[in-house]
Amino acid sequence: MIKILYRGSTSACFELQGTAPHFSTEEFEVLVNGEERCRSATNVFSLYGLTPETKYSVELRFASGASESAELTTAVETCCLSVRDFGAVGDGVHEDTASIQAAINMLPEGGRLYFPEGTYLTLPLSLKSHVTLEISRGAVILGSTERERYPIITGIAHDGVTGGEIPLASFEGLERPAYQSLIQGAFCEDVAIVGPGAIDGNGQNGDWWQGFDKFPAARPRVLFLNRCKHITLHGVTVKNGPTWHIHPFFSKDVSVLDCSVTAPKDSPNTDGCNPESCDTVNIIGCKFSVGDDCIAIKSGKLEMAVKYKAPADKYTIRNCLMEFGHGAVTLGSEASGGVTNLSVTQCLFRATDRGLRIKSRRGRGKDSVINNVLFDNIKMDRVLTPIVINLWYNCCDPDAHDEYVWSREKLPVDDRTPHMGSFAFRNMECTGAEVAACYIDGLTECPIESVELENISVSFSPDARPGKPAMQEFAPDRCRLGLYLDNVRRISVKNVKLRGVEGEKLIAAHCDSVETEGFDED
């Protein structure tokens, strides 16, 4: 069965309803109205170059002889304009900022702005509502390296009449001044950016990755969406960000479909997609290879959580491929608003430091409730530590190394204490691990409510090297550590198999109940 994930005026995104993580069980050809259009081996695939308001028949033919089909009619649009009509040159040398921004400003509601093949060098651009940007194959929107020409946006502006706050910029969980992002949407709705071209932040060619702690403002993202709704990113490649690549912020109904996000492994803080305090986010069929976390789900630090009380809610991550990076799917550490109703399924992780990573600490606050989190049908290869929940995170804050953060004493539960609810890890196959199979370390005074581990196999590399499974003060190196759980109220371990562990296969301390069934049995 084929599910239609997105139906635009000239492109569409589809998903096979199978169970294999990211890749389909067999390669298939895609026929459109009876003619072969492309071949694919992934569960999510896309079509481009379609005609608006036109009916299409899509058929998949598999190597085995099986077939699937679907019908769709492309969306209506009011017009299509080319950036070349507004003077954009697209030679990668001439700066096209004014031409592109004029084209966006002039585009009628329901219109599509088309970027033909070429490299469009630009300073930051601003989106507006009810438009589509189509970056064609061979087209690149390239960020300028002239940092001094990027506007600095204040974190909070004030209404000149009422004095009320207007939130404009943020980074790492705080409303703070930031360079305007390469493509920035503020209070926009009904916007699509579709591929198969690229948006290149050009971080490697400027000074964005050097000395940034001395900059007068936070670095820009490639895409920053502040309080937007009904946003779709489809098929585009987003790469080489000055810092985070895709940052939806207090937005609603955001879909990132069949996109690729790439940056060098050693590029600093180049997270792939970091949706923060959003309501309903779908990240499906995407590929990540970056220098930090591939996907990091956030909801701000304490100050923002107290002000807005906006959790990250109703997130779906499915059929994605994550390579390299510090964590494949991360929650936090700026999660003071909480994270609820997260589903991560049918994903493939390769050579990330950690697979499923949750990080928090004292000081994130009582609204930092992380609950109803499901990780299911995940395959990992050469992931150093597949599962991590760490409530002693010691980075990214001025007080990160204070005794308050690292003390193992049972401190009072107060307005600064985060709460961890239920976590289910199911149907996971992990090969080539090195540091630990599972490292879960809750707070002494506020243990994690429940952890379920079911139908999981972890095998360790024979050449495993020691490392730290979690970033916490005074943490010893580990190597081939089995299941380690501390300060968890209820633990369920069912049909879990470990191979190559050094020492005890299950270490559970300060737990109310531990149930095992079929643990490490052949």
Protein backbone atom coordinates (compact mmCIF):
# COMPACT_ATOMS: atom_id res chain seq x y z
CA MET A 1 0.00 0.00 0.00
CA ILE A 2 1.25 3.51 -0.85
CA LYS A 3 0.52 6.46 1.41
CA ILE A 4 0.64 10.00 -0.02
CA LEU A 5 2.50 12.18 2.48
CA TYR A 6 2.49 15.40 0.46
CA ARG A 7 0.71 16.60 -2.64
CA GLY A 8 1.96 19.89 -4.03
CA SER A 9 1.39 21.55 -7.38
CA THR A 10 4.55 20.11 -8.99
CA SER A 11 5.84 17.50 -6.53
CA ALA A 12 4.57 14.69 -4.34
CA CYS A 13 5.95 12.48 -1.58
CA PHE A 14 4.96 8.84 -0.99
CA GLU A 15 5.58 6.19 1.68
CA LEU A 16 5.43 2.42 1.40
CA GLN A 17 3.47 0.85 4.24
CA GLY A 18 6.06 -1.80 5.12
CA THR A 19 8.02 -2.46 8.31
CA ALA A 20 11.68 -2.43 7.22
CA PRO A 21 13.61 0.55 8.64
CA HIS A 22 14.18 3.26 6.01
CA PHE A 23 15.07 0.94 3.12
CA SER A 24 12.44 -1.14 1.36
CA THR A 25 12.89 -4.88 1.27
CA GLU A 26 13.47 -4.74 -2.49
CA GLU A 27 14.21 -2.12 -5.12
CA PHE A 28 11.36 -0.89 -7.28
CA GLU A 29 10.73 1.23 -10.34
CA VAL A 30 8.23 4.09 -10.29
CA LEU A 31 5.95 4.54 -13.28
CA VAL A 32 3.87 7.67 -13.79
CA ASN A 33 0.98 7.30 -16.22
CA GLY A 34 2.60 4.12 -17.47
CA GLU A 35 6.08 5.56 -18.11
CA GLU A 36 9.10 4.85 -15.91
CA ARG A 37 10.08 7.97 -13.98
CA CYS A 38 12.70 6.76 -11.49
CA ARG A 39 13.92 3.88 -9.33
CA SER A 40 14.07 3.72 -5.55
CA ALA A 41 15.17 1.45 -2.71
CA THR A 42 13.77 3.48 0.19
CA ASN A 43 10.35 3.41 1.83
CA VAL A 44 9.84 7.13 1.17
CA PHE A 45 10.26 8.48 -2.34
CA SER A 46 9.30 11.61 -4.28
CA LEU A 47 8.25 12.79 -7.71
CA TYR A 48 9.09 16.19 -9.19
CA GLY A 49 8.33 18.05 -12.39
CA LEU A 50 4.59 17.41 -12.21
CA THR A 51 1.97 19.74 -13.67
CA PRO A 52 -0.40 21.67 -11.38
CA GLU A 53 -4.02 20.53 -11.05
CA THR A 54 -3.39 17.30 -12.99
CA LYS A 55 -4.41 13.73 -12.25
CA TYR A 56 -1.66 11.10 -12.17
CA SER A 57 -1.50 7.34 -11.86
CA VAL A 58 1.55 6.10 -9.93
CA GLU A 59 2.60 2.44 -10.08
CA LEU A 60 5.46 0.69 -8.30
CA ARG A 61 6.95 -2.46 -9.82
CA PHE A 62 9.14 -4.54 -7.53
CA ALA A 63 11.92 -6.91 -8.49
CA SER A 64 9.80 -9.81 -7.22
CA GLY A 65 7.05 -8.97 -9.70
CA ALA A 66 4.70 -7.45 -7.13
CA SER A 67 3.18 -4.03 -7.77
CA GLU A 68 1.42 -1.23 -5.90
CA SER A 69 -0.49 1.73 -7.30
CA ALA A 70 -1.98 5.05 -6.22
CA GLU A 71 -3.82 7.97 -7.78
CA LEU A 72 -3.29 11.64 -7.05
CA THR A 73 -4.26 15.02 -8.39
CA THR A 74 -1.70 17.77 -7.93
CA ALA A 75 -2.61 20.95 -6.10
CA VAL A 76 -3.88 24.17 -7.60
CA GLU A 77 -1.59 27.20 -7.83
CA THR A 78 -2.27 30.78 -8.86
CA CYS A 79 0.97 31.34 -10.79
CA CYS A 80 4.62 30.38 -11.23
CA LEU A 81 7.34 33.04 -11.36
CA SER A 82 11.07 32.55 -11.84
CA VAL A 83 13.66 34.35 -9.74
CA ARG A 84 15.41 35.10 -13.03
CA ASP A 85 12.45 37.36 -13.93
CA PHE A 86 13.49 39.60 -11.02
CA GLY A 87 17.13 39.86 -12.01
CA ALA A 88 18.65 36.90 -10.15
CA VAL A 89 21.81 35.78 -11.94
CA GLY A 90 22.52 32.43 -10.29
CA ASP A 91 26.24 32.33 -11.06
CA GLY A 92 27.41 31.91 -7.44
CA VAL A 93 29.41 35.15 -7.64
CA HIS A 94 26.86 37.91 -8.16
CA GLU A 95 24.80 38.53 -5.02
CA ASP A 96 21.11 37.80 -5.68
CA THR A 97 19.60 38.85 -2.32
CA ALA A 98 17.57 41.82 -3.56
CA SER A 99 16.23 39.94 -6.57
CA ILE A 100 15.13 36.89 -4.55
CA GLN A 101 13.53 38.95 -1.79
CA ALA A 102 11.69 41.08 -4.33
CA ALA A 103 10.38 37.93 -5.98
CA ILE A 104 9.13 36.55 -2.64
CA ASN A 105 7.51 39.88 -1.78
CA MET A 106 5.75 40.16 -5.13
CA LEU A 107 4.57 36.55 -5.36
CA PRO A 108 0.74 36.39 -5.22
CA GLU A 109 -0.99 34.22 -2.65
CA GLY A 110 -0.96 30.62 -3.82
CA GLY A 111 1.98 31.27 -6.15
CA ARG A 112 5.18 29.33 -6.72
CA LEU A 113 8.64 30.89 -6.95
CA TYR A 114 10.88 28.78 -9.17
CA PHE A 115 14.68 28.58 -8.88
CA PRO A 116 16.11 27.21 -12.15
CA GLU A 117 19.48 25.48 -12.21
CA GLY A 118 22.20 27.76 -10.85
CA THR A 119 23.84 28.92 -7.64
CA TYR A 120 22.09 31.89 -6.00
CA LEU A 121 24.42 33.67 -3.59
CA THR A 122 22.39 35.51 -0.98
CA LEU A 123 22.24 37.17 2.39
CA PRO A 124 19.28 36.28 4.69
CA LEU A 125 15.82 36.06 3.15
CA SER A 126 12.37 36.43 4.74
CA LEU A 127 9.40 34.22 3.91
CA LYS A 128 5.77 35.22 3.67
CA SER A 129 2.52 33.26 3.93
CA HIS A 130 0.72 31.20 1.26
CA VAL A 131 3.64 30.65 -1.14
CA THR A 132 5.80 27.80 -2.41
CA LEU A 133 9.52 28.00 -3.14
CA GLU A 134 10.66 25.34 -5.61
CA ILE A 135 14.41 24.74 -5.79
CA SER A 136 14.90 22.71 -8.95
CA ARG A 137 17.47 19.99 -9.53
CA GLY A 138 20.86 21.66 -9.88
CA ALA A 139 19.71 24.84 -8.12
CA VAL A 140 21.44 25.96 -4.91
CA ILE A 141 20.55 28.82 -2.57
CA LEU A 142 24.00 29.64 -1.18
CA GLY A 143 24.53 31.64 2.01
CA SER A 144 26.92 34.57 1.91
CA THR A 145 30.05 34.35 4.07
CA GLU A 146 29.95 38.08 4.88
CA ARG A 147 28.90 37.79 8.52
CA GLU A 148 29.03 41.54 9.10
CA ARG A 149 26.19 41.98 6.61
CA TYR A 150 23.82 39.57 8.37
CA PRO A 151 21.29 41.58 10.40
CA ILE A 152 21.24 40.88 14.14
CA ILE A 153 17.69 40.25 15.33
CA THR A 154 16.85 41.10 18.93
CA GLY A 155 15.52 38.26 21.05
CA ILE A 156 12.48 40.25 22.21
CA ALA A 157 11.15 43.48 20.75
CA HIS A 158 8.55 45.65 22.48
CA ASP A 159 5.33 47.01 21.06
CA GLY A 160 5.71 50.78 20.81
CA VAL A 161 2.13 51.36 22.01
CA THR A 162 1.34 48.62 24.53
CA GLY A 163 4.87 47.71 25.56
CA GLY A 164 4.03 44.04 25.00
CA GLU A 165 6.73 41.56 24.07
CA ILE A 166 7.23 40.38 20.50
CA PRO A 167 9.53 37.29 20.47
CA LEU A 168 11.80 37.35 17.43
CA ALA A 169 15.01 35.35 17.97
CA SER A 170 16.25 32.45 20.05
CA PHE A 171 19.07 29.97 20.38
CA GLU A 172 19.82 27.09 22.75
CA GLY A 173 16.63 27.49 24.75
CA LEU A 174 16.73 31.25 25.41
CA GLU A 175 15.27 34.27 23.67
CA ARG A 176 18.43 36.10 22.73
CA PRO A 177 19.85 38.15 19.85
CA ALA A 178 20.83 36.11 16.82
CA TYR A 179 22.04 36.73 13.32
CA GLN A 180 19.11 36.47 10.94
CA SER A 181 18.91 32.96 9.54
CA LEU A 182 19.53 32.34 5.86
CA ILE A 183 15.82 31.64 5.29
CA GLN A 184 13.64 32.95 8.09
CA GLY A 185 9.89 32.77 8.53
CA ALA A 186 8.15 34.73 11.28
CA PHE A 187 4.41 34.34 11.96
CA CYS A 188 3.93 32.75 8.51
CA GLU A 189 1.47 30.09 7.47
CA ASP A 190 0.86 27.77 4.54
CA VAL A 191 4.44 27.74 3.19
CA ALA A 192 6.17 24.97 1.25
CA ILE A 193 9.83 24.70 0.26
CA VAL A 194 10.26 21.82 -2.17
CA GLY A 195 13.21 20.23 -3.94
CA PRO A 196 15.14 18.48 -5.28
CA GLY A 197 17.67 21.34 -5.11
CA ALA A 198 19.74 22.51 -2.14
CA ILE A 199 20.02 25.24 0.48
CA ASP A 200 23.68 25.58 1.44
CA GLY A 201 24.55 27.58 4.58
CA ASN A 202 28.18 27.76 3.38
CA GLY A 203 29.41 27.47 6.96
CA GLN A 204 32.72 25.94 5.96
CA ASN A 205 33.79 28.94 3.88
CA GLY A 206 33.10 31.74 6.35
CA ASP A 207 34.10 32.13 9.99
CA TRP A 208 30.88 30.61 11.37
CA TRP A 209 32.66 27.53 12.71
CA GLN A 210 35.60 29.39 14.29
CA GLY A 211 35.54 31.62 17.35
CA PHE A 212 31.76 31.79 17.46
CA ASP A 213 31.74 32.14 21.25
CA LYS A 214 33.10 35.66 20.67
CA PHE A 215 30.38 36.70 18.17
CA PRO A 216 28.04 39.54 19.25
CA ALA A 217 24.99 37.31 18.65
CA ALA A 218 24.06 33.66 18.23
CA ARG A 219 24.82 32.09 14.88
CA PRO A 220 22.07 31.86 12.28
CA ARG A 221 20.31 28.69 11.35
CA VAL A 222 19.83 27.70 7.71
CA LEU A 223 16.03 27.66 8.22
CA PHE A 224 14.38 29.31 11.25
CA LEU A 225 10.59 29.19 11.53
CA ASN A 226 9.30 31.34 14.39
CA ARG A 227 5.65 30.80 15.32
CA CYS A 228 4.68 29.56 11.90
CA LYS A 229 2.02 27.01 10.99
CA HIS A 230 1.28 24.59 8.17
CA ILE A 231 4.87 24.42 6.91
CA THR A 232 6.23 21.72 4.58
CA LEU A 233 9.83 21.05 3.60
CA HIS A 234 9.89 18.44 0.87
CA GLY A 235 12.84 16.90 -0.93
CA VAL A 236 15.37 19.67 -0.39
CA THR A 237 18.97 19.14 0.69
CA VAL A 238 19.98 21.43 3.56
CA LYS A 239 23.69 21.50 4.27
CA ASN A 240 26.72 23.19 5.86
CA GLY A 241 24.77 25.29 8.34
CA PRO A 242 26.55 27.96 10.38
CA THR A 243 24.95 26.04 13.26
CA TRP A 244 21.61 24.15 13.42
CA HIS A 245 20.12 23.46 10.01
CA ILE A 246 16.33 23.36 10.49
CA HIS A 247 14.84 25.05 13.56
CA PRO A 248 11.04 25.21 13.82
CA PHE A 249 10.29 27.32 16.92
CA PHE A 250 6.87 27.50 18.63
CA SER A 251 5.34 26.41 15.33
CA LYS A 252 2.39 24.17 14.50
CA ASP A 253 1.90 21.47 11.88
CA VAL A 254 5.44 21.18 10.47
CA SER A 255 6.40 18.40 8.04
CA VAL A 256 9.94 17.60 6.92
CA LEU A 257 9.67 14.95 4.21
CA ASP A 258 12.32 13.12 2.17
CA CYS A 259 14.93 15.79 2.91
CA SER A 260 18.70 15.37 3.30
CA VAL A 261 20.63 17.29 5.95
CA THR A 262 24.41 17.14 5.80
CA ALA A 263 27.49 18.72 7.36
CA PRO A 264 31.02 17.48 8.11
CA LYS A 265 31.39 15.22 11.14
CA ASP A 266 33.63 17.75 12.88
CA SER A 267 31.51 20.86 12.24
CA PRO A 268 30.45 22.42 15.57
CA ASN A 269 26.79 22.37 16.71
CA THR A 270 25.50 21.60 13.23
CA ASP A 271 22.41 19.74 14.44
CA GLY A 272 20.13 18.46 11.68
CA CYS A 273 16.57 19.33 12.71
CA ASN A 274 15.69 20.82 16.11
CA PRO A 275 11.95 21.40 16.48
CA GLU A 276 11.42 23.43 19.65
CA SER A 277 8.13 23.80 21.57
CA CYS A 278 6.15 22.86 18.47
CA ASP A 279 2.73 21.25 18.19
CA THR A 280 2.55 18.38 15.66
CA VAL A 281 5.80 17.71 13.79
CA ASN A 282 6.38 14.98 11.21
CA ILE A 283 9.92 14.07 10.15
CA ILE A 284 9.57 11.21 7.68
CA GLY A 285 11.92 9.63 5.17
CA CYS A 286 14.79 12.03 5.86
CA LYS A 287 18.55 11.42 5.83
CA PHE A 288 20.94 13.06 8.30
CA SER A 289 24.73 13.14 8.52
CA VAL A 290 25.91 16.04 10.67
CA GLY A 291 28.42 17.22 13.27
CA ASP A 292 26.07 17.11 16.28
CA ASP A 293 22.66 15.59 17.04
CA CYS A 294 20.75 14.49 13.94
CA ILE A 295 17.36 15.36 15.44
CA ALA A 296 17.14 17.18 18.78
CA ILE A 297 13.70 17.77 20.26
CA LYS A 298 13.65 20.80 22.52
CA SER A 299 11.27 23.01 24.52
CA GLY A 300 13.49 25.76 25.90
CA LYS A 301 15.23 26.43 29.18
CA LEU A 302 13.50 27.31 32.44
CA GLU A 303 12.89 30.99 31.67
CA MET A 304 10.97 30.22 28.48
CA ALA A 305 9.07 27.32 30.02
CA VAL A 306 7.78 29.49 32.87
CA LYS A 307 6.72 32.19 30.43
CA TYR A 308 5.04 30.11 27.71
CA LYS A 309 4.40 26.60 29.11
CA ALA A 310 4.67 25.17 25.60
CA PRO A 311 5.78 21.53 25.38
CA ALA A 312 7.04 19.71 22.33
CA ASP A 313 3.92 17.68 21.61
CA LYS A 314 2.80 15.10 19.04
CA TYR A 315 6.03 14.40 17.16
CA THR A 316 6.41 11.57 14.65
CA ILE A 317 9.81 10.46 13.32
CA ARG A 318 9.66 7.58 10.88
CA ASN A 319 11.66 5.89 8.14
CA CYS A 320 14.71 8.12 8.67
CA LEU A 321 18.43 7.37 8.26
CA MET A 322 20.87 8.95 10.72
CA GLU A 323 24.64 8.72 10.26
CA PHE A 324 27.47 10.06 12.40
CA GLY A 325 26.54 12.85 14.80
CA HIS A 326 26.48 12.79 18.59
CA GLY A 327 22.97 11.38 18.85
CA ALA A 328 20.52 10.03 16.29
CA VAL A 329 17.34 11.18 18.06
CA THR A 330 17.86 13.35 21.13
CA LEU A 331 15.48 14.91 23.64
CA GLY A 332 16.87 17.99 25.38
CA SER A 333 18.80 19.09 27.03
CA GLU A 334 16.77 22.32 26.72
CA ALA A 335 13.43 20.64 27.43
CA SER A 336 12.05 22.74 30.28
CA GLY A 337 8.65 22.97 28.59
CA GLY A 338 8.42 19.19 28.41
CA VAL A 339 8.19 16.59 25.64
CA THR A 340 5.03 14.49 25.26
CA ASN A 341 3.67 11.99 22.77
CA LEU A 342 6.77 11.17 20.75
CA SER A 343 6.94 8.22 18.36
CA VAL A 344 10.20 7.18 16.66
CA THR A 345 9.75 4.16 14.39
CA GLN A 346 11.31 2.35 11.39
CA CYS A 347 14.60 4.22 11.58
CA LEU A 348 18.16 3.20 10.79
CA PHE A 349 21.11 4.65 12.74
CA ARG A 350 24.72 4.25 11.61
CA ALA A 351 27.90 5.22 13.45
CA THR A 352 26.35 7.81 15.78
CA ASP A 353 27.82 8.21 19.25
CA ARG A 354 24.43 7.45 20.79
CA GLY A 355 21.22 6.19 19.31
CA LEU A 356 18.17 7.19 21.33
CA ARG A 357 19.40 9.90 23.66
CA ILE A 358 17.53 11.78 26.38
CA LYS A 359 19.46 14.37 28.34
CA SER A 360 18.31 16.63 31.17
CA ARG A 361 19.43 17.87 34.59
CA ARG A 362 18.33 19.56 37.77
CA GLY A 363 17.31 23.11 36.99
CA ARG A 364 15.18 22.34 33.93
CA GLY A 365 12.08 22.81 36.09
CA LYS A 366 8.79 21.21 37.09
CA ASP A 367 7.27 21.76 33.62
CA SER A 368 10.02 19.62 32.12
CA VAL A 369 7.84 16.52 31.96
CA ILE A 370 9.02 14.00 29.37
CA ASN A 371 6.37 11.32 28.98
CA ASN A 372 4.76 8.84 26.60
CA VAL A 373 7.85 8.25 24.51
CA LEU A 374 8.00 5.26 22.15
CA PHE A 375 10.97 3.99 20.16
CA ASP A 376 9.99 1.01 18.02
CA ASN A 377 11.45 -0.96 15.11
CA ILE A 378 14.90 0.60 15.14
CA LYS A 379 18.05 -0.82 13.60
CA MET A 380 21.49 0.42 14.67
CA ASP A 381 24.93 -0.34 13.30
CA ARG A 382 28.16 0.79 15.01
CA VAL A 383 26.29 3.05 17.43
CA LEU A 384 28.54 3.32 20.49
CA THR A 385 25.68 3.36 23.03
CA PRO A 386 22.23 2.55 21.63
CA ILE A 387 20.04 3.84 24.52
CA VAL A 388 20.85 6.71 26.90
CA ILE A 389 18.68 8.56 29.43
CA ASN A 390 20.87 10.94 31.40
CA LEU A 391 19.53 13.24 34.12
CA TRP A 392 23.00 14.56 35.01
CA TYR A 393 23.87 16.43 31.81
CA ASN A 394 26.84 18.75 32.38
CA CYS A 395 27.02 20.93 29.26
CA CYS A 396 25.64 24.15 27.76
CA ASP A 397 24.86 26.09 30.97
CA PRO A 398 26.90 28.49 33.13
CA ASP A 399 26.19 26.28 36.16
CA ALA A 400 26.67 22.98 34.30
CA HIS A 401 29.51 21.87 36.60
CA ASP A 402 27.99 23.07 39.89
CA GLU A 403 27.47 20.64 42.75
CA TYR A 404 23.71 21.19 42.43
CA VAL A 405 23.83 19.48 39.04
CA TRP A 406 26.10 16.55 39.92
CA SER A 407 25.41 15.81 43.60
CA ARG A 408 24.08 12.30 44.17
CA GLU A 409 22.42 13.39 47.42
CA LYS A 410 18.62 13.21 47.55
CA LEU A 411 17.84 16.90 47.14
CA PRO A 412 14.38 18.44 47.72
CA VAL A 413 11.90 18.15 44.85
CA ASP A 414 11.00 21.74 43.97
CA ASP A 415 10.17 24.03 41.06
CA ARG A 416 13.53 23.26 39.46
CA THR A 417 13.13 19.48 39.38
CA PRO A 418 12.34 17.80 36.02
CA HIS A 419 10.16 14.70 35.78
CA MET A 420 10.67 11.66 33.56
CA GLY A 421 7.58 9.52 32.84
CA SER A 422 7.23 6.38 30.71
CA PHE A 423 9.65 5.19 28.02
CA ALA A 424 9.21 2.16 25.78
CA PHE A 425 12.04 0.72 23.66
CA ARG A 426 10.86 -2.13 21.44
CA ASN A 427 11.99 -4.24 18.48
CA MET A 428 15.55 -3.01 18.17
CA GLU A 429 18.54 -4.71 16.54
CA CYS A 430 21.89 -3.17 17.44
CA THR A 431 25.20 -4.45 16.10
CA GLY A 432 28.74 -3.19 16.66
CA ALA A 433 28.08 -1.34 19.92
CA GLU A 434 31.11 -0.42 22.00
CA VAL A 435 30.46 1.51 25.21
CA ALA A 436 27.12 0.30 26.64
CA ALA A 437 23.95 -1.39 25.46
CA CYS A 438 21.70 0.78 27.61
CA TYR A 439 22.65 3.50 30.09
CA ILE A 440 19.78 5.02 32.07
CA ASP A 441 20.56 7.23 35.06
CA GLY A 442 17.67 9.01 36.79
CA LEU A 443 17.62 11.61 39.53
CA THR A 444 18.01 10.43 43.11
CA GLU A 445 15.06 12.48 44.40
CA CYS A 446 12.80 12.02 41.35
CA PRO A 447 13.34 8.66 39.65
CA ILE A 448 12.18 7.87 36.14
CA GLU A 449 8.68 6.37 36.34
CA SER A 450 9.05 3.40 33.99
CA VAL A 451 11.31 1.91 31.33
CA GLU A 452 10.24 -0.97 29.09
CA LEU A 453 12.82 -2.90 27.04
CA GLU A 454 11.27 -5.51 24.76
CA ASN A 455 12.50 -7.59 21.81
CA ILE A 456 15.95 -6.03 21.70
CA SER A 457 19.28 -7.53 20.66
CA VAL A 458 22.64 -5.83 21.18
CA SER A 459 25.99 -7.23 20.12
CA PHE A 460 29.30 -5.56 20.83
CA SER A 461 32.21 -5.03 18.48
CA PRO A 462 35.20 -7.27 19.25
CA ASP A 463 37.33 -4.14 18.86
CA ALA A 464 35.22 -2.04 21.25
CA ARG A 465 36.98 0.91 22.84
CA PRO A 466 36.11 2.50 26.20
CA GLY A 467 34.11 5.73 26.27
CA LYS A 468 31.57 7.67 28.29
CA PRO A 469 27.98 6.64 27.59
CA ALA A 470 26.61 9.94 28.93
CA MET A 471 27.96 13.45 29.42
CA GLN A 472 28.00 13.80 33.21
CA GLU A 473 30.46 14.88 35.88
CA PHE A 474 32.96 12.30 37.17
CA ALA A 475 31.68 9.64 34.75
CA PRO A 476 34.09 6.71 34.36
CA ASP A 477 34.81 5.22 30.97
CA ARG A 478 32.82 2.12 30.14
CA CYS A 479 33.30 -0.67 27.63
CA ARG A 480 30.82 -3.39 26.67
CA LEU A 481 28.54 -2.46 29.56
CA GLY A 482 25.21 -4.31 29.48
CA LEU A 483 21.94 -2.84 30.76
CA TYR A 484 22.62 -0.18 33.38
CA LEU A 485 19.59 1.41 35.08
CA ASP A 486 19.72 3.57 38.20
CA ASN A 487 16.83 5.44 39.84
CA VAL A 488 14.02 3.97 37.76
CA ARG A 489 10.82 3.04 39.61
CA ARG A 490 9.62 0.24 37.32
CA ILE A 491 11.74 -1.75 34.87
CA SER A 492 10.49 -4.37 32.44
CA VAL A 493 13.03 -6.41 30.42
CA LYS A 494 11.45 -8.86 28.00
CA ASN A 495 13.16 -10.89 25.27
CA VAL A 496 16.40 -8.91 25.41
CA LYS A 497 19.60 -10.56 24.16
CA LEU A 498 23.11 -9.22 24.74
CA ARG A 499 26.31 -10.54 23.17
CA GLY A 500 29.86 -9.60 24.11
CA VAL A 501 29.09 -7.94 27.47
CA GLU A 502 31.89 -7.55 30.01
CA GLY A 503 30.63 -8.10 33.55
CA GLU A 504 27.01 -8.29 34.70
CA LYS A 505 24.42 -8.13 31.94
CA LEU A 506 21.85 -6.25 34.06
CA ILE A 507 22.70 -3.69 36.71
CA ALA A 508 19.60 -2.16 38.33
CA ALA A 509 19.98 0.05 41.39
CA HIS A 510 17.50 2.11 43.43
CA CYS A 511 14.54 0.63 41.59
CA ASP A 512 11.13 -0.33 43.03
CA SER A 513 10.50 -3.28 40.71
CA VAL A 514 12.45 -5.17 38.05
CA GLU A 515 10.63 -7.72 35.89
CA THR A 516 12.49 -9.92 33.43
CA GLU A 517 11.19 -12.47 30.95
CA GLY A 518 13.27 -14.22 28.34
CA PHE A 519 16.24 -12.04 29.23
CA ASP A 520 19.35 -13.14 27.31
CA GLU A 521 17.84 -16.47 26.40
CA ASP A 522 18.47 -18.08 23.00
